[in-house]
Amino acid sequence: MDATDFPDDLVQTQAAWNATYDSLAGPRPRDTTALRRRLLLLSVRLWWHPYWETAPSVPAARTELRQMVRAHGASPGPWGTGACTTAVRSAPVS
């Protein structure tokens, strides 16, 4: 599976999930309730995204998405500050 096969909104949602998780895992996170709620919301969006209905191997594709976003440091919009590569296009997560 090529990195460009993932929809922009799915990539950005995964990047936002990573940034939120990292914020919670850091030392003395602020507003943990809001971060936990955001993490839950993003988890639901990731799990139920329509893309997974078309993926040939969902477990492998989920793993590849997580690895790709971590490796490329895709920018999740207002929730993080990663650099976006050509394989990962930017789209805000609201």
Protein backbone atom coordinates (compact mmCIF):
# COMPACT_ATOMS: atom_id res chain seq x y z
CA MET A 1 0.00 0.00 0.00
CA ASP A 2 1.32 3.41 -0.97
CA ALA A 3 1.21 6.31 1.50
CA THR A 4 -0.85 8.34 -0.95
CA ASP A 5 -3.64 5.74 -0.79
CA PHE A 6 -4.79 7.10 2.57
CA PRO A 7 -7.34 9.92 2.48
CA ASP A 8 -6.09 13.28 3.75
CA ASP A 9 -8.63 13.45 6.55
CA LEU A 10 -7.60 10.01 7.81
CA VAL A 11 -3.91 10.95 7.82
CA GLN A 12 -4.63 14.20 9.63
CA THR A 13 -6.85 12.47 12.17
CA GLN A 14 -4.06 9.99 12.92
CA ALA A 15 -1.57 12.86 13.26
CA ALA A 16 -3.94 14.67 15.63
CA TRP A 17 -4.38 11.45 17.64
CA ASN A 18 -0.58 11.09 17.92
CA ALA A 19 -0.15 14.70 19.04
CA THR A 20 -2.95 14.40 21.60
CA TYR A 21 -1.56 11.14 22.96
CA ASP A 22 1.92 12.66 23.20
CA SER A 23 0.47 15.63 25.09
CA LEU A 24 -1.18 13.30 27.58
CA ALA A 25 1.95 11.17 27.95
CA GLY A 26 4.20 14.15 28.63
CA PRO A 27 5.18 15.35 32.07
CA ARG A 28 2.41 17.21 33.90
CA PRO A 29 -0.11 17.53 31.07
CA ARG A 30 -2.57 20.40 31.38
CA ASP A 31 -6.30 19.96 30.99
CA THR A 32 -6.15 16.16 30.96
CA THR A 33 -9.93 15.87 30.77
CA ALA A 34 -10.06 17.77 27.47
CA LEU A 35 -7.13 15.79 26.11
CA ARG A 36 -8.76 12.47 27.05
CA ARG A 37 -12.03 13.51 25.45
CA ARG A 38 -10.18 14.59 22.30
CA LEU A 39 -8.28 11.29 22.21
CA LEU A 40 -11.55 9.36 22.50
CA LEU A 41 -13.19 11.43 19.74
CA LEU A 42 -10.21 10.94 17.43
CA SER A 43 -10.11 7.21 18.22
CA VAL A 44 -13.74 6.86 17.15
CA ARG A 45 -13.07 8.82 13.95
CA LEU A 46 -10.08 6.63 13.14
CA TRP A 47 -11.86 3.36 13.89
CA TRP A 48 -15.04 4.10 11.92
CA HIS A 49 -13.53 5.98 8.97
CA PRO A 50 -15.16 4.86 5.67
CA TYR A 51 -11.73 4.11 4.17
CA TRP A 52 -11.50 0.90 6.19
CA GLU A 53 -14.42 -0.57 4.24
CA THR A 54 -12.26 -0.50 1.09
CA ALA A 55 -8.87 -1.49 2.54
CA PRO A 56 -7.73 -4.98 1.46
CA SER A 57 -6.19 -5.79 4.85
CA VAL A 58 -7.52 -3.51 7.56
CA PRO A 59 -5.13 -4.52 10.39
CA ALA A 60 -2.09 -4.10 8.13
CA ALA A 61 -3.40 -0.80 6.74
CA ARG A 62 -4.04 0.59 10.25
CA THR A 63 -0.49 -0.31 11.24
CA GLU A 64 0.93 1.24 8.08
CA LEU A 65 -1.04 4.44 8.67
CA ARG A 66 0.29 4.77 12.23
CA GLN A 67 3.87 4.06 11.15
CA MET A 68 3.69 6.43 8.17
CA VAL A 69 2.30 9.32 10.20
CA ARG A 70 4.91 8.82 12.94
CA ALA A 71 7.74 8.60 10.40
CA HIS A 72 6.67 11.63 8.36
CA GLY A 73 5.52 13.75 11.28
CA ALA A 74 2.37 14.91 9.48
CA SER A 75 0.99 18.15 10.83
CA PRO A 76 -2.33 17.62 12.61
CA GLY A 77 -3.31 21.26 12.38
CA PRO A 78 -3.70 23.18 15.63
CA TRP A 79 -2.87 20.14 17.82
CA GLY A 80 0.78 19.64 16.78
CA THR A 81 3.72 20.99 14.86
CA GLY A 82 5.14 18.24 12.63
CA ALA A 83 6.54 18.74 9.16
CA CYS A 84 4.43 17.45 6.30
CA THR A 85 6.05 15.55 3.41
CA THR A 86 4.85 15.17 -0.14
CA ALA A 87 3.39 11.74 0.66
CA VAL A 88 1.19 13.28 3.34
CA ARG A 89 -1.03 16.22 2.39
CA SER A 90 -2.39 18.65 4.97
CA ALA A 91 -6.03 18.92 5.92
CA PRO A 92 -7.36 20.27 9.23
CA VAL A 93 -9.13 18.01 11.70
CA SER A 94 -12.12 19.67 13.28
